[in-house]
Amino acid sequence: MLFRHALAPAFALLITACAGAPEAETPSAFEAAIAPLCGKAFEGRIVTTDTQDDDWRAQRVVMHVRSCDARYIKIPLHVGEDHSRTWVLMQVGNDWELRHDHRHEDGEPDVLTLYGGFASTPADALRQEFPADEATKALFDAEGIPVSKTNVWAVEVDPSSNLFAYELKRPNRFLRVEFDTSKPVPPPPAPWGWPPLD
């Protein structure tokens, strides 16, 4: 009983300190550059020439900055009628993290999902680069695609050029998709496994 009473003032002080804690820090320049795009969708084009991307090049590619909670951004990527992909950007401490959320049409996760990595660039950089992390490399090994272990993904935002870009790069492989953020398009349907927006 004495122990409990002795701790009571400490808990009260902790609660008071938390109640008076400052609000979230100022968003990084990267997050601030994405913020005006929230809720909007944009059509993109593949600007690289890798023949592996011919299927995508033949279809309409649209990204939708669907949700922008503080330091947590979800951007579905729609390729034709394929609504399986979502880029998930999270700021963890001083670093951004990128994950690829892949779902089947019934909403179930694909075997290749949540791969990505932590940025090797400062949080304020408008171009964030994400080398594959160890969990991703283990997943690629398990699925028989070790060549992808050298993947580096990038997300780039340049408000002065009305540009949002996504890249995948490794030796002998380069995909870059650019979106003109000055020309919003109607938002696509909900990505697979996600509820519709209100």
Foldseek 3Di string as FASTA:
>chain_A
DVVVVVCVVVVVVVVVCVVPDDDDDDAALQLVLCVVQAQFKWWKAWPDDPPVCVQQNVFIWMKHQHDRDPQWTKIFIDRHPARFWIWIWGCDPFKIWIWIFGADQQQHTDLQGGWWAIFPDTSNAQKTKTQTDPVNCVSCVVVVNNQQNRWIKIWGGDVVQQWTKIWIDDVPDIIIMITRNVDTDPDDAHGRNDDGDD
